Amino acid sequence: MLKLIAAGLAALFVTASPLAYAQAPSGGAASAVDVSTLTDARIGIVKAALQLTPDQEKHWPAIESAIRTRAKDRQVRITTAAERSSELRDHSPIEALRDRDPVDFLRRRADALAQRAADLKKLADAWQPLYQTLNPDQKRRMAFLTIFVLPEMRSGVEQRRLQADEEDEG
């Protein structure tokens, strides 16, 4: 239990880290370096909390690769959306509505959701062999991280980004 608390505290430390929230000059999206730093921290927390045995370690590279791919693809989607939003800011609301193609919007949204689904499936597939080897304590720690810690990290990053955006506007 002490190790679980330590992992939770480490997650809170990471969410409070200025490196995790550094803002890029282009509208508040985190830079690739920031995303990489946060991804490294998340991977480190999960790996430390699970305390893998040497036999379990052999499954880890596929999981880490899937986590990194998912983070990279998410960053690409965010950057693309920020660029699109920036383009729309150059137009008046009437022009933006007039020039909007709802079918194109639906296709872009479907493509983004399909990419997210593929990344999530790849992550689940990577976890499956390792998960089958985890003992009950490791499974509890993984559930705790999945349900409480990692989503809190994401929420913390988003909260910090919104605060930085408000400070920039104010």
N, C-alpha and C. Protein backbone atom coordinates (compact mmCIF):
# COMPACT_ATOMS: atom_id res chain seq x y z
N MET A 1 0.82 -1.19 0.00
CA MET A 1 0.00 0.00 0.00
C MET A 1 0.86 1.26 0.00
N LEU A 2 1.99 1.19 0.71
CA LEU A 2 2.90 2.33 0.76
C LEU A 2 3.43 2.66 -0.63
N LYS A 3 3.69 1.64 -1.43
CA LYS A 3 4.18 1.86 -2.79
C LYS A 3 3.11 2.51 -3.65
N LEU A 4 1.87 2.15 -3.44
CA LEU A 4 0.76 2.74 -4.17
C LEU A 4 0.63 4.21 -3.83
N ILE A 5 0.76 4.55 -2.58
CA ILE A 5 0.71 5.94 -2.15
C ILE A 5 1.88 6.71 -2.75
N ALA A 6 3.05 6.09 -2.77
CA ALA A 6 4.23 6.74 -3.35
C ALA A 6 4.01 7.02 -4.84
N ALA A 7 3.41 6.06 -5.53
CA ALA A 7 3.13 6.27 -6.95
C ALA A 7 2.13 7.40 -7.14
N GLY A 8 1.12 7.47 -6.30
CA GLY A 8 0.14 8.54 -6.36
C GLY A 8 0.78 9.90 -6.10
N LEU A 9 1.65 9.96 -5.11
CA LEU A 9 2.35 11.21 -4.82
C LEU A 9 3.27 11.60 -5.96
N ALA A 10 3.91 10.61 -6.57
CA ALA A 10 4.76 10.91 -7.73
C ALA A 10 3.92 11.49 -8.86
N ALA A 11 2.73 10.95 -9.05
CA ALA A 11 1.84 11.47 -10.09
C ALA A 11 1.45 12.91 -9.79
N LEU A 12 1.14 13.19 -8.54
CA LEU A 12 0.80 14.56 -8.17
C LEU A 12 1.98 15.49 -8.38
N PHE A 13 3.18 15.01 -8.07
CA PHE A 13 4.37 15.81 -8.29
C PHE A 13 4.53 16.13 -9.78
N VAL A 14 4.30 15.13 -10.61
CA VAL A 14 4.43 15.33 -12.04
C VAL A 14 3.39 16.33 -12.53
N THR A 15 2.17 16.25 -12.01
CA THR A 15 1.14 17.18 -12.46
C THR A 15 1.43 18.60 -12.00
N ALA A 16 2.19 18.75 -10.93
CA ALA A 16 2.54 20.08 -10.46
C ALA A 16 3.82 20.60 -11.11
N SER A 17 4.51 19.76 -11.84
CA SER A 17 5.78 20.14 -12.45
C SER A 17 5.57 21.17 -13.55
N PRO A 18 6.35 22.25 -13.54
CA PRO A 18 6.23 23.25 -14.60
C PRO A 18 6.57 22.68 -15.97
N LEU A 19 7.42 21.65 -16.02
CA LEU A 19 7.76 21.06 -17.32
C LEU A 19 6.53 20.47 -17.99
N ALA A 20 5.62 19.95 -17.20
CA ALA A 20 4.44 19.31 -17.78
C ALA A 20 3.48 20.32 -18.36
N TYR A 21 3.62 21.59 -17.96
CA TYR A 21 2.65 22.59 -18.38
C TYR A 21 3.22 23.68 -19.25
N ALA A 22 4.49 23.60 -19.58
CA ALA A 22 5.08 24.66 -20.38
C ALA A 22 4.27 24.83 -21.66
N GLN A 23 4.04 26.05 -22.02
CA GLN A 23 3.18 26.34 -23.16
C GLN A 23 4.00 26.75 -24.36
N ALA A 24 3.59 26.27 -25.51
CA ALA A 24 4.23 26.70 -26.74
C ALA A 24 3.69 28.06 -27.11
N PRO A 25 4.44 28.86 -27.88
CA PRO A 25 3.98 30.17 -28.25
C PRO A 25 2.75 30.15 -29.14
N SER A 26 2.43 29.03 -29.75
CA SER A 26 1.34 28.98 -30.72
C SER A 26 0.02 28.59 -30.10
N GLY A 27 -0.53 29.42 -29.26
CA GLY A 27 -1.88 29.24 -28.80
C GLY A 27 -2.12 28.26 -27.68
N GLY A 28 -1.12 27.93 -26.91
CA GLY A 28 -1.37 27.15 -25.72
C GLY A 28 -1.19 25.65 -25.85
N ALA A 29 -0.96 25.15 -27.06
CA ALA A 29 -0.74 23.72 -27.19
C ALA A 29 0.64 23.38 -26.66
N ALA A 30 0.74 22.27 -25.98
CA ALA A 30 2.03 21.86 -25.43
C ALA A 30 2.97 21.49 -26.57
N SER A 31 4.24 21.79 -26.40
CA SER A 31 5.22 21.45 -27.44
C SER A 31 5.51 19.96 -27.42
N ALA A 32 6.20 19.50 -28.46
CA ALA A 32 6.55 18.07 -28.55
C ALA A 32 7.44 17.67 -27.38
N VAL A 33 8.33 18.57 -26.96
CA VAL A 33 9.21 18.28 -25.83
C VAL A 33 8.39 18.12 -24.56
N ASP A 34 7.40 18.98 -24.36
CA ASP A 34 6.55 18.90 -23.18
C ASP A 34 5.73 17.61 -23.18
N VAL A 35 5.21 17.25 -24.33
CA VAL A 35 4.44 16.01 -24.44
C VAL A 35 5.35 14.82 -24.15
N SER A 36 6.55 14.86 -24.67
CA SER A 36 7.51 13.78 -24.43
C SER A 36 7.85 13.68 -22.95
N THR A 37 8.05 14.82 -22.30
CA THR A 37 8.37 14.84 -20.87
C THR A 37 7.22 14.26 -20.05
N LEU A 38 6.00 14.67 -20.37
CA LEU A 38 4.84 14.16 -19.65
C LEU A 38 4.64 12.67 -19.92
N THR A 39 4.85 12.26 -21.16
CA THR A 39 4.72 10.84 -21.51
C THR A 39 5.76 10.01 -20.76
N ASP A 40 7.00 10.50 -20.73
CA ASP A 40 8.05 9.81 -19.97
C ASP A 40 7.65 9.66 -18.51
N ALA A 41 7.10 10.72 -17.94
CA ALA A 41 6.70 10.68 -16.53
C ALA A 41 5.58 9.66 -16.31
N ARG A 42 4.60 9.66 -17.19
CA ARG A 42 3.48 8.72 -17.05
C ARG A 42 3.98 7.28 -17.17
N ILE A 43 4.85 7.04 -18.14
CA ILE A 43 5.41 5.69 -18.32
C ILE A 43 6.19 5.28 -17.08
N GLY A 44 6.99 6.20 -16.56
CA GLY A 44 7.78 5.91 -15.36
C GLY A 44 6.91 5.59 -14.16
N ILE A 45 5.82 6.32 -14.00
CA ILE A 45 4.91 6.08 -12.89
C ILE A 45 4.27 4.69 -12.99
N VAL A 46 3.80 4.36 -14.18
CA VAL A 46 3.14 3.06 -14.36
C VAL A 46 4.14 1.93 -14.11
N LYS A 47 5.31 2.06 -14.69
CA LYS A 47 6.31 1.00 -14.54
C LYS A 47 6.74 0.86 -13.08
N ALA A 48 6.95 1.99 -12.41
CA ALA A 48 7.36 1.94 -11.00
C ALA A 48 6.26 1.34 -10.13
N ALA A 49 5.03 1.70 -10.40
CA ALA A 49 3.92 1.20 -9.59
C ALA A 49 3.72 -0.30 -9.77
N LEU A 50 3.93 -0.79 -10.98
CA LEU A 50 3.72 -2.22 -11.24
C LEU A 50 4.83 -3.10 -10.69
N GLN A 51 6.02 -2.57 -10.58
CA GLN A 51 7.17 -3.35 -10.09
C GLN A 51 7.24 -4.70 -10.82
N LEU A 52 7.53 -4.61 -12.09
CA LEU A 52 7.55 -5.80 -12.94
C LEU A 52 8.69 -6.74 -12.58
N THR A 53 8.42 -8.02 -12.71
CA THR A 53 9.45 -9.04 -12.54
C THR A 53 10.26 -9.11 -13.85
N PRO A 54 11.43 -9.73 -13.80
CA PRO A 54 12.21 -9.87 -15.04
C PRO A 54 11.42 -10.57 -16.17
N ASP A 55 10.62 -11.56 -15.84
CA ASP A 55 9.81 -12.23 -16.87
C ASP A 55 8.76 -11.29 -17.45
N GLN A 56 8.19 -10.44 -16.60
CA GLN A 56 7.17 -9.50 -17.06
C GLN A 56 7.79 -8.37 -17.89
N GLU A 57 9.02 -8.01 -17.59
CA GLU A 57 9.72 -6.92 -18.29
C GLU A 57 9.77 -7.14 -19.80
N LYS A 58 9.79 -8.39 -20.23
CA LYS A 58 9.90 -8.66 -21.67
C LYS A 58 8.68 -8.16 -22.44
N HIS A 59 7.55 -7.96 -21.75
CA HIS A 59 6.33 -7.46 -22.39
C HIS A 59 6.30 -5.94 -22.44
N TRP A 60 7.17 -5.29 -21.69
CA TRP A 60 7.08 -3.84 -21.53
C TRP A 60 7.37 -3.04 -22.80
N PRO A 61 8.35 -3.37 -23.63
CA PRO A 61 8.64 -2.53 -24.81
C PRO A 61 7.43 -2.29 -25.72
N ALA A 62 6.61 -3.30 -25.93
CA ALA A 62 5.42 -3.12 -26.77
C ALA A 62 4.44 -2.14 -26.14
N ILE A 63 4.30 -2.20 -24.82
CA ILE A 63 3.40 -1.29 -24.11
C ILE A 63 3.93 0.14 -24.20
N GLU A 64 5.20 0.30 -23.93
CA GLU A 64 5.79 1.64 -23.98
C GLU A 64 5.67 2.23 -25.38
N SER A 65 5.90 1.43 -26.40
CA SER A 65 5.77 1.89 -27.78
C SER A 65 4.34 2.33 -28.07
N ALA A 66 3.37 1.56 -27.62
CA ALA A 66 1.96 1.91 -27.85
C ALA A 66 1.58 3.19 -27.10
N ILE A 67 2.09 3.36 -25.90
CA ILE A 67 1.82 4.59 -25.13
C ILE A 67 2.40 5.79 -25.86
N ARG A 68 3.63 5.66 -26.33
CA ARG A 68 4.30 6.78 -27.02
C ARG A 68 3.60 7.10 -28.35
N THR A 69 3.20 6.08 -29.08
CA THR A 69 2.48 6.30 -30.34
C THR A 69 1.17 7.02 -30.08
N ARG A 70 0.46 6.59 -29.06
CA ARG A 70 -0.82 7.22 -28.72
C ARG A 70 -0.62 8.68 -28.33
N ALA A 71 0.40 8.97 -27.55
CA ALA A 71 0.68 10.35 -27.14
C ALA A 71 1.08 11.21 -28.34
N LYS A 72 1.90 10.65 -29.23
CA LYS A 72 2.34 11.38 -30.42
C LYS A 72 1.15 11.68 -31.32
N ASP A 73 0.31 10.69 -31.55
CA ASP A 73 -0.86 10.89 -32.41
C ASP A 73 -1.84 11.89 -31.80
N ARG A 74 -1.97 11.87 -30.49
CA ARG A 74 -2.83 12.85 -29.81
C ARG A 74 -2.28 14.25 -30.01
N GLN A 75 -0.96 14.40 -29.90
CA GLN A 75 -0.34 15.70 -30.10
C GLN A 75 -0.56 16.20 -31.52
N VAL A 76 -0.48 15.31 -32.49
CA VAL A 76 -0.73 15.68 -33.89
C VAL A 76 -2.17 16.16 -34.05
N ARG A 77 -3.11 15.44 -33.45
CA ARG A 77 -4.52 15.86 -33.54
C ARG A 77 -4.74 17.22 -32.90
N ILE A 78 -4.12 17.46 -31.76
CA ILE A 78 -4.27 18.74 -31.07
C ILE A 78 -3.66 19.86 -31.91
N THR A 79 -2.49 19.61 -32.46
CA THR A 79 -1.83 20.63 -33.29
C THR A 79 -2.66 20.94 -34.53
N THR A 80 -3.19 19.90 -35.16
CA THR A 80 -4.03 20.09 -36.34
C THR A 80 -5.28 20.90 -35.99
N ALA A 81 -5.90 20.58 -34.87
CA ALA A 81 -7.10 21.32 -34.44
C ALA A 81 -6.75 22.77 -34.12
N ALA A 82 -5.60 23.00 -33.49
CA ALA A 82 -5.18 24.37 -33.17
C ALA A 82 -4.94 25.17 -34.44
N GLU A 83 -4.31 24.53 -35.43
CA GLU A 83 -4.07 25.21 -36.70
C GLU A 83 -5.39 25.55 -37.39
N ARG A 84 -6.30 24.61 -37.37
CA ARG A 84 -7.62 24.84 -37.99
C ARG A 84 -8.35 25.96 -37.27
N SER A 85 -8.29 25.96 -35.96
CA SER A 85 -8.93 27.01 -35.17
C SER A 85 -8.29 28.37 -35.45
N SER A 86 -6.99 28.39 -35.60
CA SER A 86 -6.28 29.62 -35.92
C SER A 86 -6.72 30.17 -37.27
N GLU A 87 -6.88 29.28 -38.23
CA GLU A 87 -7.35 29.69 -39.56
C GLU A 87 -8.75 30.31 -39.47
N LEU A 88 -9.61 29.71 -38.65
CA LEU A 88 -10.98 30.21 -38.52
C LEU A 88 -11.04 31.55 -37.80
N ARG A 89 -10.07 31.83 -36.93
CA ARG A 89 -10.05 33.12 -36.22
C ARG A 89 -9.82 34.29 -37.16
N ASP A 90 -9.22 34.01 -38.32
CA ASP A 90 -8.95 35.06 -39.29
C ASP A 90 -10.22 35.49 -40.03
N HIS A 91 -11.30 34.77 -39.83
CA HIS A 91 -12.56 35.08 -40.50
C HIS A 91 -13.58 35.56 -39.48
N SER A 92 -14.54 36.33 -39.97
CA SER A 92 -15.63 36.74 -39.09
C SER A 92 -16.51 35.52 -38.83
N PRO A 93 -17.31 35.55 -37.75
CA PRO A 93 -18.20 34.41 -37.49
C PRO A 93 -19.13 34.09 -38.67
N ILE A 94 -19.57 35.11 -39.36
CA ILE A 94 -20.47 34.89 -40.51
C ILE A 94 -19.71 34.19 -41.63
N GLU A 95 -18.47 34.63 -41.89
CA GLU A 95 -17.66 33.98 -42.92
C GLU A 95 -17.36 32.54 -42.55
N ALA A 96 -17.05 32.31 -41.28
CA ALA A 96 -16.74 30.95 -40.84
C ALA A 96 -17.94 30.03 -41.03
N LEU A 97 -19.14 30.51 -40.70
CA LEU A 97 -20.34 29.70 -40.89
C LEU A 97 -20.65 29.49 -42.36
N ARG A 98 -20.48 30.55 -43.15
CA ARG A 98 -20.77 30.47 -44.58
C ARG A 98 -19.83 29.49 -45.28
N ASP A 99 -18.57 29.51 -44.90
CA ASP A 99 -17.57 28.68 -45.57
C ASP A 99 -17.44 27.28 -44.97
N ARG A 100 -18.16 27.01 -43.92
CA ARG A 100 -18.03 25.71 -43.24
C ARG A 100 -18.67 24.60 -44.07
N ASP A 101 -17.95 23.52 -44.17
CA ASP A 101 -18.44 22.34 -44.90
C ASP A 101 -18.73 21.26 -43.87
N PRO A 102 -20.01 21.07 -43.50
CA PRO A 102 -20.33 20.11 -42.44
C PRO A 102 -19.95 18.67 -42.80
N VAL A 103 -19.97 18.32 -44.06
CA VAL A 103 -19.59 16.96 -44.46
C VAL A 103 -18.08 16.77 -44.25
N ASP A 104 -17.30 17.78 -44.62
CA ASP A 104 -15.86 17.71 -44.39
C ASP A 104 -15.56 17.64 -42.90
N PHE A 105 -16.30 18.42 -42.11
CA PHE A 105 -16.13 18.38 -40.65
C PHE A 105 -16.39 16.97 -40.12
N LEU A 106 -17.48 16.35 -40.56
CA LEU A 106 -17.81 15.00 -40.11
C LEU A 106 -16.74 14.00 -40.52
N ARG A 107 -16.21 14.14 -41.72
CA ARG A 107 -15.13 13.24 -42.17
C ARG A 107 -13.87 13.42 -41.33
N ARG A 108 -13.49 14.69 -41.06
CA ARG A 108 -12.31 14.92 -40.22
C ARG A 108 -12.52 14.36 -38.83
N ARG A 109 -13.69 14.54 -38.29
CA ARG A 109 -14.01 14.03 -36.95
C ARG A 109 -13.97 12.49 -36.95
N ALA A 110 -14.53 11.88 -37.97
CA ALA A 110 -14.52 10.42 -38.07
C ALA A 110 -13.08 9.89 -38.18
N ASP A 111 -12.26 10.58 -38.96
CA ASP A 111 -10.86 10.17 -39.10
C ASP A 111 -10.14 10.27 -37.76
N ALA A 112 -10.38 11.36 -37.03
CA ALA A 112 -9.74 11.54 -35.72
C ALA A 112 -10.19 10.45 -34.75
N LEU A 113 -11.48 10.15 -34.74
CA LEU A 113 -11.99 9.10 -33.85
C LEU A 113 -11.45 7.73 -34.24
N ALA A 114 -11.34 7.48 -35.53
CA ALA A 114 -10.79 6.20 -35.99
C ALA A 114 -9.33 6.06 -35.56
N GLN A 115 -8.57 7.15 -35.64
CA GLN A 115 -7.17 7.11 -35.21
C GLN A 115 -7.08 6.85 -33.71
N ARG A 116 -7.93 7.53 -32.95
CA ARG A 116 -7.94 7.31 -31.50
C ARG A 116 -8.30 5.86 -31.17
N ALA A 117 -9.31 5.34 -31.88
CA ALA A 117 -9.73 3.95 -31.64
C ALA A 117 -8.60 2.97 -31.98
N ALA A 118 -7.93 3.20 -33.09
CA ALA A 118 -6.83 2.31 -33.49
C ALA A 118 -5.70 2.36 -32.47
N ASP A 119 -5.37 3.58 -31.99
CA ASP A 119 -4.32 3.72 -30.98
C ASP A 119 -4.70 3.02 -29.68
N LEU A 120 -5.95 3.17 -29.28
CA LEU A 120 -6.40 2.54 -28.04
C LEU A 120 -6.42 1.02 -28.16
N LYS A 121 -6.83 0.52 -29.33
CA LYS A 121 -6.82 -0.93 -29.55
C LYS A 121 -5.38 -1.45 -29.52
N LYS A 122 -4.46 -0.72 -30.14
CA LYS A 122 -3.05 -1.13 -30.13
C LYS A 122 -2.53 -1.15 -28.69
N LEU A 123 -2.94 -0.19 -27.88
CA LEU A 123 -2.52 -0.16 -26.48
C LEU A 123 -3.08 -1.35 -25.71
N ALA A 124 -4.36 -1.63 -25.91
CA ALA A 124 -4.98 -2.78 -25.24
C ALA A 124 -4.31 -4.09 -25.67
N ASP A 125 -4.03 -4.21 -26.96
CA ASP A 125 -3.35 -5.41 -27.46
C ASP A 125 -1.95 -5.56 -26.85
N ALA A 126 -1.27 -4.43 -26.68
CA ALA A 126 0.07 -4.49 -26.09
C ALA A 126 0.01 -4.87 -24.61
N TRP A 127 -1.02 -4.40 -23.91
CA TRP A 127 -1.15 -4.70 -22.48
C TRP A 127 -1.56 -6.15 -22.21
N GLN A 128 -2.32 -6.75 -23.11
CA GLN A 128 -2.90 -8.06 -22.85
C GLN A 128 -1.90 -9.11 -22.37
N PRO A 129 -0.77 -9.33 -23.07
CA PRO A 129 0.15 -10.37 -22.59
C PRO A 129 0.72 -10.08 -21.20
N LEU A 130 1.03 -8.82 -20.92
CA LEU A 130 1.57 -8.50 -19.60
C LEU A 130 0.49 -8.63 -18.54
N TYR A 131 -0.69 -8.15 -18.83
CA TYR A 131 -1.77 -8.17 -17.84
C TYR A 131 -2.04 -9.60 -17.36
N GLN A 132 -1.94 -10.56 -18.25
CA GLN A 132 -2.19 -11.96 -17.89
C GLN A 132 -1.15 -12.49 -16.91
N THR A 133 0.01 -11.84 -16.84
CA THR A 133 1.07 -12.31 -15.94
C THR A 133 1.09 -11.55 -14.61
N LEU A 134 0.29 -10.50 -14.49
CA LEU A 134 0.31 -9.69 -13.26
C LEU A 134 -0.34 -10.45 -12.11
N ASN A 135 0.23 -10.27 -10.92
CA ASN A 135 -0.39 -10.85 -9.73
C ASN A 135 -1.52 -9.93 -9.28
N PRO A 136 -2.37 -10.39 -8.35
CA PRO A 136 -3.52 -9.57 -7.93
C PRO A 136 -3.13 -8.18 -7.42
N ASP A 137 -2.02 -8.07 -6.71
CA ASP A 137 -1.58 -6.77 -6.20
C ASP A 137 -1.20 -5.84 -7.36
N GLN A 138 -0.50 -6.36 -8.33
CA GLN A 138 -0.13 -5.55 -9.49
C GLN A 138 -1.38 -5.12 -10.27
N LYS A 139 -2.35 -6.00 -10.37
CA LYS A 139 -3.59 -5.65 -11.07
C LYS A 139 -4.34 -4.54 -10.34
N ARG A 140 -4.34 -4.58 -9.01
CA ARG A 140 -4.99 -3.52 -8.23
C ARG A 140 -4.28 -2.18 -8.46
N ARG A 141 -2.95 -2.22 -8.45
CA ARG A 141 -2.18 -0.99 -8.68
C ARG A 141 -2.44 -0.45 -10.09
N MET A 142 -2.50 -1.33 -11.06
CA MET A 142 -2.77 -0.90 -12.43
C MET A 142 -4.17 -0.28 -12.53
N ALA A 143 -5.14 -0.89 -11.88
CA ALA A 143 -6.50 -0.34 -11.89
C ALA A 143 -6.52 1.04 -11.24
N PHE A 144 -5.82 1.18 -10.12
CA PHE A 144 -5.76 2.47 -9.42
C PHE A 144 -5.17 3.53 -10.34
N LEU A 145 -4.07 3.20 -10.99
CA LEU A 145 -3.44 4.15 -11.90
C LEU A 145 -4.36 4.51 -13.06
N THR A 146 -4.99 3.52 -13.62
CA THR A 146 -5.85 3.72 -14.78
C THR A 146 -7.07 4.56 -14.44
N ILE A 147 -7.66 4.30 -13.28
CA ILE A 147 -8.91 4.97 -12.92
C ILE A 147 -8.69 6.33 -12.26
N PHE A 148 -7.66 6.44 -11.41
CA PHE A 148 -7.51 7.66 -10.62
C PHE A 148 -6.32 8.53 -11.01
N VAL A 149 -5.14 7.97 -11.06
CA VAL A 149 -3.93 8.79 -11.19
C VAL A 149 -3.75 9.36 -12.59
N LEU A 150 -3.74 8.52 -13.61
CA LEU A 150 -3.44 9.01 -14.95
C LEU A 150 -4.50 9.98 -15.48
N PRO A 151 -5.80 9.73 -15.27
CA PRO A 151 -6.78 10.75 -15.68
C PRO A 151 -6.61 12.07 -14.91
N GLU A 152 -6.22 11.99 -13.64
CA GLU A 152 -5.98 13.20 -12.87
C GLU A 152 -4.81 13.99 -13.45
N MET A 153 -3.79 13.28 -13.92
CA MET A 153 -2.66 13.96 -14.55
C MET A 153 -3.14 14.73 -15.77
N ARG A 154 -3.93 14.08 -16.60
CA ARG A 154 -4.45 14.74 -17.81
C ARG A 154 -5.32 15.93 -17.43
N SER A 155 -6.19 15.74 -16.42
CA SER A 155 -7.05 16.85 -15.98
C SER A 155 -6.20 18.00 -15.45
N GLY A 156 -5.16 17.67 -14.72
CA GLY A 156 -4.28 18.70 -14.18
C GLY A 156 -3.59 19.47 -15.28
N VAL A 157 -3.13 18.77 -16.31
CA VAL A 157 -2.48 19.44 -17.44
C VAL A 157 -3.48 20.35 -18.14
N GLU A 158 -4.68 19.86 -18.40
CA GLU A 158 -5.69 20.67 -19.07
C GLU A 158 -6.07 21.88 -18.23
N GLN A 159 -6.21 21.70 -16.92
CA GLN A 159 -6.54 22.81 -16.02
C GLN A 159 -5.46 23.88 -16.06
N ARG A 160 -4.22 23.44 -16.00
CA ARG A 160 -3.08 24.36 -16.03
C ARG A 160 -3.02 25.10 -17.36
N ARG A 161 -3.30 24.39 -18.46
CA ARG A 161 -3.29 25.02 -19.78
C ARG A 161 -4.37 26.09 -19.87
N LEU A 162 -5.55 25.79 -19.36
CA LEU A 162 -6.63 26.77 -19.38
C LEU A 162 -6.29 27.99 -18.52
N GLN A 163 -5.67 27.77 -17.38
CA GLN A 163 -5.25 28.89 -16.54
C GLN A 163 -4.22 29.75 -17.26
N ALA A 164 -3.28 29.12 -17.94
CA ALA A 164 -2.26 29.87 -18.69
C ALA A 164 -2.90 30.67 -19.82
N ASP A 165 -3.89 30.08 -20.48
CA ASP A 165 -4.61 30.79 -21.54
C ASP A 165 -5.32 32.02 -20.98
N GLU A 166 -5.97 31.86 -19.82
CA GLU A 166 -6.67 32.98 -19.19
C GLU A 166 -5.70 34.07 -18.78
N GLU A 167 -4.52 33.68 -18.25
CA GLU A 167 -3.52 34.65 -17.87
C GLU A 167 -2.99 35.41 -19.08
N ASP A 168 -2.81 34.70 -20.20
CA ASP A 168 -2.34 35.35 -21.43
C ASP A 168 -3.36 36.36 -21.95
N GLU A 169 -4.66 36.04 -21.81
CA GLU A 169 -5.70 36.94 -22.28
C GLU A 169 -5.91 38.12 -21.35
N GLY A 170 -5.64 37.90 -20.05
CA GLY A 170 -5.92 38.92 -19.03
C GLY A 170 -4.90 39.93 -18.88
